[in-house]
Amino acid sequence: MNKELIIDSNASEIVIALLEDKQLVELHKDKKNNNYSVGDIYLGKVKKIISGLNAAFIDVGYEKDAFLHYLDLGAQVNSLNKYTKLGMAGKTKILAMENFILEKEIEKTGKINNVLTANQPVLVQIAKEPISTKGPRITSEISLAGRYLVLVPFSDRVSVSQKIKNSEEKNRLKRLVQSIRPKNFGVIVRTVAEGKMVADLHNDLKALEEKWYDIAAKLENSRPPKIILGEINRTSAILRDLLSEEFNHVYVNDQIIFDELRDYIKTFAPNKLDIVKLYKNKLPIFDYLGVEKQIKSSFGKIVSIRGGTYLIIEHTEALHVIDVNSGHRINADNSQESNALEVNLEAAAEIARQLRLRDIGGIIVVDFIDMVEATNRRKLFEKMKEEMKKDRAKHNILPPSKFGLVQITRQRVRTETNVEILEKCPACGGSGEITPSIIIIEEIENNLRYLIEEQNEKNLTIRVHPYIYAYLTKGFWSIKFRWMFKYKTFFKLEPTLSFHFLEYRFFNKLEDEIKL
């Protein structure tokens, strides 16, 4: 698989696009003024305890108090609170973690008011960024993520990523980590650690252990609310999690990020330094590499799929609803059941991509086209699971119901990625809105293909604005000529001054307009 990473850095944000076989599958935005990112560690203060919810609201400096549920305290929260108290008094300097005496674990079915009290300082970590009107969701089960390992203070467990399927490799990694694990620290082995040697894991572990002691040092004389450790910015975190030897190209338009990337790649794949390219052209990097066009065609309420199939994606307060429509895609040689299966399988791949691309989380309900045969519903379910394997977010998929609905839950830790794709209409001075102009040529071709191949229309005439006409007829091997060659039929193309810039219409041989 050809994997590419394209990074666009500007004054307000950094946008990272992940392409697989030239298709956009993930889009991440890191605003440079975002102070509440997943992984940040704060010294907060208990503001209010809500016994009915078995939860507490914690002041971490955000306009809305953060939410901490009893189940997010972690079994060793008493040890953490004790260590936090020692750190604020400056006593952790003389108390290494290996000499720290752990407190008794809390009960799984206990009450939060037996653990926390009002105005108590607590060390917490952002688990979900502020979404909509809600404050951050936090946890007091602190974890520090590295390239290969995740360090969990006050634990003694070693676990290995479930995505590593080879049992021998899992046992090897577990034995290696057990041999180098410092006392009173638990370790989670990440998927990218597969095949790595003990030196790589040991270096990663030492760096994380030093980070924990930096936290302890910053606690001294601190008063809540205060940020203790800002996780590396989201850009670096994404690159840490995504970047691997599998990538073929990484393009970036910022010299500082370019230098950081080369230094980072040098640590695990020095022979692949040349994959990082510094982009210096005047044209925006996303426009030059074709990413902007894919963004415009992939976001919005209606998403078209090749062949005429399209999705309608609606967002409500509680869930997302996706409706699959076959459009004018009908194969006369197939039965209705076969057509439905073909459309559904194609839509399943696009839906899996859309969930990653938009970072849609929570409950998702997909209304596929109804299929009668149980074997076909099973094929759809297997296809959906196969496509979702590429998704790094935790998710769960239920088989199609009797109504043809597929229910999906997907982990949500930050606000959904939303790109405004509608442009101001030049014909009405900005009072109306149109579909993106960047995909107008593809839209005309799709309708042309439909009329020629599926409606068997002959002697078509297409009328467009003079600017579009000039673009379609420019050069000997023009777009118009290529279309005639591709679809093996002749059609007329006529400029019409009265049309607005993106207006086009089809007419048959009797000069009657064909309504699409």
Protein backbone atom coordinates (compact mmCIF):
# COMPACT_ATOMS: atom_id res chain seq x y z
CA MET A 1 0.00 0.00 0.00
CA ASN A 2 1.29 3.46 -0.94
CA LYS A 3 1.06 5.66 2.18
CA GLU A 4 1.71 9.42 2.14
CA LEU A 5 1.56 12.11 4.79
CA ILE A 6 1.03 15.75 3.80
CA ILE A 7 1.46 18.48 6.42
CA ASP A 8 0.19 22.03 5.86
CA SER A 9 1.39 24.49 8.52
CA ASN A 10 -0.07 28.01 8.63
CA ALA A 11 -0.39 30.82 11.17
CA SER A 12 -3.40 29.42 13.03
CA GLU A 13 -3.22 25.63 12.68
CA ILE A 14 -1.41 22.59 11.34
CA VAL A 15 -3.42 20.28 9.08
CA ILE A 16 -2.22 16.71 8.49
CA ALA A 17 -3.62 14.61 5.64
CA LEU A 18 -3.06 10.85 5.45
CA LEU A 19 -3.38 9.29 2.00
CA GLU A 20 -3.54 5.57 1.24
CA ASP A 21 -3.09 4.71 -2.44
CA LYS A 22 -3.63 8.44 -3.23
CA GLN A 23 -7.02 8.45 -1.44
CA LEU A 24 -7.57 10.76 1.52
CA VAL A 25 -8.46 8.66 4.59
CA GLU A 26 -7.62 10.86 7.60
CA LEU A 27 -7.56 14.61 8.19
CA HIS A 28 -6.25 16.02 11.46
CA LYS A 29 -6.32 19.67 12.51
CA ASP A 30 -4.13 20.97 15.34
CA LYS A 31 -5.07 24.52 16.33
CA LYS A 32 -2.08 26.34 17.76
CA ASN A 33 -4.13 27.86 20.60
CA ASN A 34 -5.66 24.57 21.84
CA ASN A 35 -4.79 24.32 25.56
CA TYR A 36 -6.89 21.25 26.40
CA SER A 37 -5.60 18.35 24.32
CA VAL A 38 -5.94 14.64 25.03
CA GLY A 39 -2.99 13.55 27.18
CA ASP A 40 -2.42 16.89 28.96
CA ILE A 41 -1.90 16.51 32.72
CA TYR A 42 -3.34 19.08 35.14
CA LEU A 43 -3.29 19.71 38.83
CA GLY A 44 -6.99 20.31 39.41
CA LYS A 45 -9.19 21.04 42.39
CA VAL A 46 -12.37 19.17 43.35
CA LYS A 47 -15.15 21.71 42.84
CA LYS A 48 -18.24 19.64 43.49
CA ILE A 49 -19.06 16.00 44.24
CA ILE A 50 -22.30 14.65 42.77
CA SER A 51 -23.19 11.50 44.72
CA GLY A 52 -26.14 10.68 42.47
CA LEU A 53 -23.83 10.43 39.45
CA ASN A 54 -20.99 8.95 41.52
CA ALA A 55 -18.81 11.60 39.93
CA ALA A 56 -17.06 14.89 40.64
CA PHE A 57 -16.55 18.14 38.78
CA ILE A 58 -12.91 19.26 38.76
CA ASP A 59 -11.61 22.78 38.12
CA VAL A 60 -8.72 22.53 35.64
CA GLY A 61 -8.90 26.16 34.49
CA TYR A 62 -11.36 25.60 31.63
CA GLU A 63 -14.55 27.70 31.49
CA LYS A 64 -16.59 24.55 32.21
CA ASP A 65 -15.50 22.21 35.02
CA ALA A 66 -14.07 18.86 33.90
CA PHE A 67 -16.05 15.67 34.57
CA LEU A 68 -14.47 12.82 36.57
CA HIS A 69 -16.48 9.62 37.08
CA TYR A 70 -15.70 7.08 39.79
CA LEU A 71 -14.86 4.47 37.14
CA ASP A 72 -12.20 6.83 35.74
CA LEU A 73 -10.40 7.21 39.06
CA GLY A 74 -8.26 4.12 38.57
CA ALA A 75 -7.67 1.42 41.18
CA GLN A 76 -4.58 3.18 42.57
CA VAL A 77 -6.05 6.68 42.93
CA ASN A 78 -5.20 6.73 46.67
CA SER A 79 -1.53 6.15 45.81
CA LEU A 80 -1.70 8.94 43.23
CA ASN A 81 -3.29 11.35 45.72
CA LYS A 82 -0.64 10.50 48.29
CA TYR A 83 2.15 11.04 45.75
CA THR A 84 0.57 14.33 44.61
CA LYS A 85 0.50 15.58 48.19
CA LEU A 86 4.18 14.65 48.65
CA GLY A 87 5.04 16.32 45.35
CA MET A 88 3.32 19.59 46.28
CA ALA A 89 5.32 19.55 49.54
CA GLY A 90 8.56 18.97 47.57
CA LYS A 91 9.24 15.56 49.16
CA THR A 92 9.31 13.41 46.01
CA LYS A 93 12.93 14.40 45.32
CA ILE A 94 14.10 12.10 48.08
CA LEU A 95 11.49 9.42 47.44
CA ALA A 96 12.05 7.33 44.33
CA MET A 97 9.08 5.37 42.98
CA GLU A 98 10.77 2.07 43.83
CA ASN A 99 10.70 3.07 47.53
CA PHE A 100 7.14 4.39 47.43
CA ILE A 101 4.65 2.30 49.44
CA LEU A 102 1.42 1.83 47.50
CA GLU A 103 -1.93 2.45 49.14
CA LYS A 104 -4.76 -0.05 49.09
CA GLU A 105 -6.73 -0.23 45.83
CA ILE A 106 -10.24 1.26 45.83
CA GLU A 107 -13.30 -0.96 45.38
CA LYS A 108 -14.78 -1.21 41.89
CA THR A 109 -18.28 -0.56 43.26
CA GLY A 110 -17.31 2.14 45.76
CA LYS A 111 -18.52 5.71 46.18
CA ILE A 112 -16.59 8.75 45.00
CA ASN A 113 -17.18 10.70 48.23
CA ASN A 114 -15.13 8.04 50.03
CA VAL A 115 -12.15 8.89 47.82
CA LEU A 116 -12.36 12.64 47.10
CA THR A 117 -13.36 15.66 49.17
CA ALA A 118 -14.30 19.19 48.16
CA ASN A 119 -11.33 21.52 47.39
CA GLN A 120 -8.90 18.57 47.36
CA PRO A 121 -6.06 18.92 44.80
CA VAL A 122 -5.99 16.03 42.31
CA LEU A 123 -3.68 15.11 39.47
CA VAL A 124 -5.75 14.36 36.35
CA GLN A 125 -5.28 13.75 32.64
CA ILE A 126 -7.48 14.90 29.74
CA ALA A 127 -9.26 11.86 28.28
CA LYS A 128 -11.66 13.77 25.98
CA GLU A 129 -11.30 17.31 24.73
CA PRO A 130 -14.15 19.79 25.35
CA ILE A 131 -16.95 18.95 22.91
CA SER A 132 -19.89 21.26 22.18
CA THR A 133 -21.13 22.69 25.52
CA LYS A 134 -19.33 20.11 27.66
CA GLY A 135 -16.10 20.56 29.55
CA PRO A 136 -13.20 18.10 29.26
CA ARG A 137 -13.62 14.47 30.34
CA ILE A 138 -10.74 13.51 32.62
CA THR A 139 -9.18 10.51 34.34
CA SER A 140 -6.88 10.14 37.33
CA GLU A 141 -5.40 6.92 35.91
CA ILE A 142 -2.34 8.68 34.48
CA SER A 143 -0.60 7.15 31.45
CA LEU A 144 2.40 8.45 29.51
CA ALA A 145 2.60 7.39 25.86
CA GLY A 146 5.85 6.83 24.03
CA ARG A 147 6.71 5.45 20.62
CA TYR A 148 6.65 1.78 21.63
CA LEU A 149 5.33 1.75 25.20
CA VAL A 150 2.79 3.39 27.50
CA LEU A 151 3.90 3.90 31.12
CA VAL A 152 1.26 3.60 33.87
CA PRO A 153 2.47 4.77 37.34
CA PHE A 154 1.36 2.88 40.50
CA SER A 155 0.68 -0.34 38.61
CA ASP A 156 2.53 -3.63 38.21
CA ARG A 157 0.77 -4.99 35.12
CA VAL A 158 2.40 -5.62 31.74
CA SER A 159 -0.01 -5.96 28.83
CA VAL A 160 0.54 -6.25 25.08
CA SER A 161 -1.58 -4.73 22.31
CA GLN A 162 -4.31 -7.08 21.10
CA LYS A 163 -3.47 -6.11 17.52
CA ILE A 164 -0.27 -8.17 17.81
CA LYS A 165 -1.67 -11.57 16.84
CA ASN A 166 1.49 -13.71 16.99
CA SER A 167 1.46 -15.42 20.41
CA GLU A 168 5.23 -16.05 20.38
CA GLU A 169 5.92 -12.37 19.70
CA LYS A 170 3.49 -11.32 22.45
CA ASN A 171 5.25 -13.59 24.95
CA ARG A 172 8.68 -12.32 23.84
CA LEU A 173 7.66 -8.68 24.30
CA LYS A 174 6.06 -9.41 27.66
CA ARG A 175 9.22 -11.12 28.93
CA LEU A 176 11.44 -8.28 27.67
CA VAL A 177 9.33 -5.59 29.33
CA GLN A 178 9.07 -7.56 32.59
CA SER A 179 12.85 -7.68 32.72
CA ILE A 180 13.32 -3.90 32.33
CA ARG A 181 10.14 -2.60 34.04
CA PRO A 182 10.89 -0.31 37.01
CA LYS A 183 9.10 -1.05 40.28
CA ASN A 184 5.65 0.53 40.80
CA PHE A 185 5.23 1.17 37.07
CA GLY A 186 2.91 -0.75 34.76
CA VAL A 187 3.61 -0.93 31.03
CA ILE A 188 1.41 -1.34 27.95
CA VAL A 189 3.26 -2.53 24.84
CA ARG A 190 2.03 -0.76 21.70
CA THR A 191 1.46 -2.39 18.31
CA VAL A 192 4.48 -0.67 16.70
CA ALA A 193 6.76 -2.47 19.20
CA GLU A 194 6.30 -5.70 17.24
CA GLY A 195 9.72 -7.01 16.21
CA LYS A 196 11.68 -4.37 18.17
CA MET A 197 14.73 -5.21 20.27
CA VAL A 198 15.21 -4.65 23.99
CA ALA A 199 17.42 -1.56 23.43
CA ASP A 200 14.60 0.27 21.60
CA LEU A 201 12.09 -0.57 24.33
CA HIS A 202 14.52 0.31 27.12
CA ASN A 203 15.30 3.75 25.67
CA ASP A 204 11.59 4.49 25.28
CA LEU A 205 10.91 3.33 28.85
CA LYS A 206 13.70 5.50 30.30
CA ALA A 207 12.38 8.59 28.49
CA LEU A 208 8.88 7.99 29.89
CA GLU A 209 10.24 7.41 33.41
CA GLU A 210 12.10 10.74 33.23
CA LYS A 211 8.88 12.42 32.09
CA TRP A 212 7.11 11.10 35.20
CA TYR A 213 9.81 12.53 37.49
CA ASP A 214 9.51 15.87 35.64
CA ILE A 215 5.84 15.85 36.61
CA ALA A 216 6.77 15.22 40.25
CA ALA A 217 9.25 18.13 40.18
CA LYS A 218 6.65 20.52 38.71
CA LEU A 219 4.18 19.67 41.48
CA GLU A 220 6.34 21.42 44.09
CA ASN A 221 4.69 24.64 45.33
CA SER A 222 2.01 24.35 42.64
CA ARG A 223 -1.53 25.54 43.28
CA PRO A 224 -4.53 24.27 41.32
CA PRO A 225 -5.70 24.77 38.67
CA LYS A 226 -2.42 24.47 36.78
CA ILE A 227 -1.13 22.55 33.76
CA ILE A 228 1.67 20.25 34.89
CA LEU A 229 2.58 18.57 31.62
CA GLY A 230 1.33 19.57 28.20
CA GLU A 231 1.36 16.48 26.02
CA ILE A 232 3.50 16.97 22.94
CA ASN A 233 1.32 18.96 20.55
CA ARG A 234 -1.24 17.03 18.56
CA THR A 235 0.90 17.23 15.43
CA SER A 236 3.79 15.45 17.13
CA ALA A 237 1.44 12.95 18.79
CA ILE A 238 -0.15 12.09 15.44
CA LEU A 239 3.24 11.70 13.81
CA ARG A 240 4.42 9.55 16.72
CA ASP A 241 1.41 7.25 16.30
CA LEU A 242 1.20 7.26 12.49
CA LEU A 243 4.70 7.56 11.13
CA SER A 244 6.37 4.26 10.37
CA GLU A 245 8.62 2.60 7.83
CA GLU A 246 5.54 1.87 5.69
CA PHE A 247 5.35 5.47 4.46
CA ASN A 248 6.57 6.25 0.95
CA HIS A 249 6.45 10.05 1.09
CA VAL A 250 6.05 12.81 3.68
CA TYR A 251 5.54 16.35 2.36
CA VAL A 252 5.72 19.40 4.64
CA ASN A 253 5.78 23.15 3.96
CA ASP A 254 7.42 24.23 7.24
CA GLN A 255 11.20 24.17 7.79
CA ILE A 256 10.99 23.57 11.57
CA ILE A 257 8.61 20.60 11.24
CA PHE A 258 10.76 19.30 8.36
CA ASP A 259 13.86 19.28 10.59
CA GLU A 260 11.93 17.65 13.48
CA LEU A 261 10.59 14.94 11.18
CA ARG A 262 14.04 14.08 9.86
CA ASP A 263 15.41 13.86 13.41
CA TYR A 264 12.49 11.67 14.43
CA ILE A 265 12.75 9.29 11.46
CA LYS A 266 16.48 9.00 12.10
CA THR A 267 15.69 7.26 15.40
CA PHE A 268 13.85 4.30 13.86
CA ALA A 269 14.51 4.27 10.10
CA PRO A 270 17.69 6.24 9.19
CA ASN A 271 17.67 4.69 5.72
CA LYS A 272 14.33 6.40 4.95
CA LEU A 273 15.30 10.03 5.60
CA ASP A 274 14.79 10.85 1.93
CA ILE A 275 11.03 10.26 2.14
CA VAL A 276 10.65 13.65 3.89
CA LYS A 277 10.34 16.45 1.33
CA LEU A 278 10.24 20.19 2.03
CA TYR A 279 7.62 21.88 -0.17
CA LYS A 280 8.56 25.42 -1.30
CA ASN A 281 6.22 26.25 -4.21
CA LYS A 282 3.92 29.29 -4.07
CA LEU A 283 0.79 27.23 -4.77
CA PRO A 284 -0.73 25.90 -1.49
CA ILE A 285 0.58 22.41 -0.74
CA PHE A 286 -2.89 20.83 -0.56
CA ASP A 287 -3.84 22.29 -3.95
CA TYR A 288 -0.60 21.18 -5.58
CA LEU A 289 -0.87 17.59 -4.33
CA GLY A 290 -4.61 17.24 -5.02
CA VAL A 291 -5.69 17.05 -1.37
CA GLU A 292 -7.93 20.13 -1.44
CA LYS A 293 -10.02 18.65 -4.24
CA GLN A 294 -10.53 15.44 -2.25
CA ILE A 295 -11.50 17.44 0.86
CA LYS A 296 -14.13 19.35 -1.11
CA SER A 297 -15.64 16.17 -2.53
CA SER A 298 -15.51 14.17 0.73
CA PHE A 299 -17.21 16.51 3.20
CA GLY A 300 -20.71 17.96 3.32
CA LYS A 301 -24.12 16.41 3.76
CA ILE A 302 -24.07 14.49 0.46
CA VAL A 303 -21.04 12.38 -0.49
CA SER A 304 -20.92 10.95 -4.01
CA ILE A 305 -19.35 7.59 -4.79
CA ARG A 306 -18.22 6.55 -8.26
CA GLY A 307 -20.92 4.99 -10.36
CA GLY A 308 -23.75 7.20 -9.13
CA THR A 309 -24.11 5.82 -5.58
CA TYR A 310 -24.16 8.47 -2.84
CA LEU A 311 -24.39 8.81 0.93
CA ILE A 312 -26.41 11.28 2.98
CA ILE A 313 -24.76 11.97 6.33
CA GLU A 314 -26.86 13.64 9.03
CA HIS A 315 -25.72 14.63 12.53
CA THR A 316 -28.08 14.82 15.50
CA GLU A 317 -27.34 15.58 19.15
CA ALA A 318 -27.26 11.90 20.11
CA LEU A 319 -26.02 10.08 17.00
CA HIS A 320 -25.02 10.14 13.33
CA VAL A 321 -27.28 8.74 10.63
CA ILE A 322 -25.94 7.61 7.24
CA ASP A 323 -28.33 6.76 4.41
CA VAL A 324 -27.10 4.74 1.41
CA ASN A 325 -28.68 5.60 -1.96
CA SER A 326 -28.07 3.77 -5.24
CA GLY A 327 -28.88 6.92 -7.25
CA HIS A 328 -29.09 6.10 -10.94
CA ARG A 329 -26.73 3.13 -10.63
CA ILE A 330 -28.69 0.13 -11.89
CA ASN A 331 -27.26 -2.83 -13.76
CA ALA A 332 -30.04 -4.27 -15.91
CA ASP A 333 -28.24 -7.63 -16.13
CA ASN A 334 -28.38 -8.16 -12.36
CA SER A 335 -31.31 -8.86 -10.07
CA GLN A 336 -32.46 -6.29 -7.52
CA GLU A 337 -30.76 -8.31 -4.77
CA SER A 338 -27.45 -8.39 -6.65
CA ASN A 339 -27.62 -4.65 -7.35
CA ALA A 340 -28.36 -3.95 -3.69
CA LEU A 341 -25.41 -6.08 -2.55
CA GLU A 342 -23.04 -4.42 -5.02
CA VAL A 343 -24.07 -0.91 -3.92
CA ASN A 344 -23.94 -1.81 -0.22
CA LEU A 345 -20.44 -3.31 -0.43
CA GLU A 346 -19.15 -0.22 -2.22
CA ALA A 347 -20.87 2.05 0.29
CA ALA A 348 -19.40 0.10 3.24
CA ALA A 349 -15.85 0.94 2.11
CA GLU A 350 -16.72 4.63 1.74
CA ILE A 351 -18.51 4.74 5.11
CA ALA A 352 -15.45 3.28 6.87
CA ARG A 353 -13.33 5.97 5.18
CA GLN A 354 -15.78 8.72 6.15
CA LEU A 355 -15.72 7.71 9.82
CA ARG A 356 -11.91 7.98 9.87
CA LEU A 357 -11.82 11.11 7.75
CA ARG A 358 -14.38 13.09 9.77
CA ASP A 359 -13.37 11.42 13.06
CA ILE A 360 -17.04 10.66 13.71
CA GLY A 361 -17.60 9.21 17.17
CA GLY A 362 -20.46 8.01 19.37
CA ILE A 363 -23.38 6.06 17.91
CA ILE A 364 -23.63 5.72 14.12
CA VAL A 365 -26.66 4.16 12.41
CA VAL A 366 -26.30 3.19 8.73
CA ASP A 367 -29.38 2.56 6.60
CA PHE A 368 -28.18 0.25 3.83
CA ILE A 369 -30.36 -0.81 0.91
CA ASP A 370 -32.61 -3.69 1.98
CA MET A 371 -31.45 -7.21 1.12
CA VAL A 372 -33.62 -10.31 1.50
CA GLU A 373 -30.98 -13.04 1.58
CA ALA A 374 -29.21 -13.69 4.90
CA THR A 375 -25.96 -14.65 3.10
CA ASN A 376 -25.81 -11.21 1.48
CA ARG A 377 -26.37 -9.47 4.82
CA ARG A 378 -23.53 -11.58 6.21
CA LYS A 379 -21.25 -10.52 3.33
CA LEU A 380 -22.05 -6.88 4.09
CA PHE A 381 -21.27 -7.35 7.78
CA GLU A 382 -17.92 -9.02 7.00
CA LYS A 383 -17.06 -6.26 4.50
CA MET A 384 -17.83 -3.57 7.06
CA LYS A 385 -15.63 -5.28 9.68
CA GLU A 386 -12.81 -5.73 7.17
CA GLU A 387 -12.84 -2.05 6.15
CA MET A 388 -13.03 -0.88 9.79
CA LYS A 389 -9.88 -2.85 10.67
CA LYS A 390 -7.90 0.07 9.23
CA ASP A 391 -9.41 2.38 11.87
CA ARG A 392 -7.19 3.03 14.91
CA ALA A 393 -10.12 4.24 17.05
CA LYS A 394 -11.91 1.68 19.22
CA HIS A 395 -15.17 0.61 17.61
CA ASN A 396 -17.89 -2.03 17.67
CA ILE A 397 -20.14 -3.14 14.80
CA LEU A 398 -23.45 -5.00 15.06
CA PRO A 399 -24.80 -7.22 12.23
CA PRO A 400 -27.55 -5.77 9.99
CA SER A 401 -30.96 -5.78 11.67
CA LYS A 402 -34.21 -6.95 10.07
CA PHE A 403 -34.68 -3.38 8.87
CA GLY A 404 -31.29 -3.33 7.13
CA LEU A 405 -29.73 -1.04 9.75
CA VAL A 406 -26.12 -1.45 10.86
CA GLN A 407 -25.25 0.07 14.24
CA ILE A 408 -21.70 1.18 15.00
CA THR A 409 -20.14 2.72 18.09
CA ARG A 410 -16.82 4.49 17.67
CA GLN A 411 -14.56 6.07 20.25
CA ARG A 412 -14.85 9.86 20.44
CA VAL A 413 -12.12 11.84 22.18
CA ARG A 414 -12.33 15.18 20.38
CA THR A 415 -14.67 17.30 18.29
CA GLU A 416 -15.67 15.87 14.92
CA THR A 417 -13.66 17.19 11.96
CA ASN A 418 -15.92 19.42 9.90
CA VAL A 419 -14.92 21.22 6.70
CA GLU A 420 -17.19 23.89 5.26
CA ILE A 421 -17.26 23.08 1.53
CA LEU A 422 -19.99 25.37 0.18
CA GLU A 423 -18.75 28.38 -1.83
CA LYS A 424 -20.41 31.73 -2.54
CA CYS A 425 -22.25 31.77 -5.85
CA PRO A 426 -20.72 34.36 -8.25
CA ALA A 427 -24.06 34.75 -10.04
CA CYS A 428 -25.97 36.12 -7.04
CA GLY A 429 -23.34 38.15 -5.21
CA GLY A 430 -23.06 35.72 -2.34
CA SER A 431 -26.69 35.35 -1.36
CA GLY A 432 -26.87 31.70 -2.41
CA GLU A 433 -24.61 28.66 -2.14
CA ILE A 434 -23.45 26.05 -4.65
CA THR A 435 -21.60 22.77 -4.61
CA PRO A 436 -17.77 23.08 -4.77
CA SER A 437 -16.52 24.49 -8.08
CA ILE A 438 -13.43 22.28 -7.89
CA ILE A 439 -15.51 19.19 -8.75
CA ILE A 440 -17.74 20.75 -11.47
CA ILE A 441 -15.91 18.97 -14.33
CA GLU A 442 -16.29 15.56 -12.64
CA GLU A 443 -19.97 16.31 -12.05
CA ILE A 444 -20.55 17.09 -15.75
CA GLU A 445 -18.70 13.92 -16.78
CA ASN A 446 -20.70 11.74 -14.35
CA ASN A 447 -23.98 13.03 -15.79
CA LEU A 448 -22.67 12.63 -19.34
CA ARG A 449 -21.68 9.02 -18.66
CA TYR A 450 -25.08 8.30 -17.14
CA LEU A 451 -26.98 9.71 -20.13
CA ILE A 452 -24.82 7.91 -22.72
CA GLU A 453 -24.26 4.53 -21.09
CA GLU A 454 -27.41 4.02 -19.04
CA GLN A 455 -30.03 6.15 -20.82
CA ASN A 456 -28.64 5.50 -24.32
CA GLU A 457 -29.03 9.17 -25.31
CA LYS A 458 -27.63 10.16 -28.74
CA ASN A 459 -26.63 13.56 -30.21
CA LEU A 460 -26.44 15.30 -26.84
CA THR A 461 -25.73 19.02 -26.49
CA ILE A 462 -24.11 20.42 -23.35
CA ARG A 463 -24.37 24.17 -22.71
CA VAL A 464 -21.99 25.75 -20.24
CA HIS A 465 -20.56 29.12 -19.24
CA PRO A 466 -17.89 30.43 -21.71
CA TYR A 467 -15.12 30.01 -19.10
CA ILE A 468 -16.00 26.35 -18.60
CA TYR A 469 -16.33 25.93 -22.37
CA ALA A 470 -12.80 27.31 -22.87
CA TYR A 471 -11.44 24.96 -20.22
CA LEU A 472 -13.12 21.89 -21.74
CA THR A 473 -11.98 22.64 -25.32
CA LYS A 474 -8.44 23.90 -24.67
CA GLY A 475 -5.73 22.17 -26.74
CA PHE A 476 -5.83 19.41 -29.33
CA TRP A 477 -6.25 16.61 -26.78
CA SER A 478 -8.93 18.56 -24.91
CA ILE A 479 -11.17 17.25 -22.15
CA LYS A 480 -14.11 17.28 -24.58
CA PHE A 481 -12.14 15.18 -27.08
CA ARG A 482 -11.10 12.73 -24.36
CA TRP A 483 -14.72 12.31 -23.28
CA MET A 484 -15.85 11.59 -26.86
CA PHE A 485 -13.07 9.02 -27.22
CA LYS A 486 -13.82 7.48 -23.81
CA TYR A 487 -17.58 7.09 -24.35
CA LYS A 488 -17.31 6.48 -28.12
CA THR A 489 -19.96 8.99 -29.07
CA PHE A 490 -20.19 12.51 -30.46
CA PHE A 491 -21.80 15.38 -28.55
CA LYS A 492 -21.92 19.16 -28.92
CA LEU A 493 -20.49 21.62 -26.42
CA GLU A 494 -21.82 25.18 -26.61
CA PRO A 495 -20.93 28.34 -24.59
CA THR A 496 -23.86 30.31 -23.20
CA LEU A 497 -23.26 33.85 -21.91
CA SER A 498 -26.49 33.96 -19.91
CA PHE A 499 -25.41 31.06 -17.69
CA HIS A 500 -23.75 31.74 -14.36
CA PHE A 501 -20.22 30.41 -13.88
CA LEU A 502 -21.08 26.85 -12.73
CA GLU A 503 -24.34 26.37 -14.60
CA TYR A 504 -24.64 23.62 -17.19
CA ARG A 505 -27.54 21.92 -18.94
CA PHE A 506 -28.04 18.88 -21.18
CA PHE A 507 -30.28 18.87 -24.27
CA ASN A 508 -31.37 15.99 -26.52
CA LYS A 509 -31.42 15.95 -30.33
CA LEU A 510 -34.87 17.63 -30.29
CA GLU A 511 -33.40 20.50 -28.23
CA ASP A 512 -35.49 19.51 -25.20
CA GLU A 513 -33.71 19.99 -21.89
CA ILE A 514 -32.94 16.76 -20.03
CA LYS A 515 -33.76 17.17 -16.35
CA LEU A 516 -31.26 15.41 -14.06
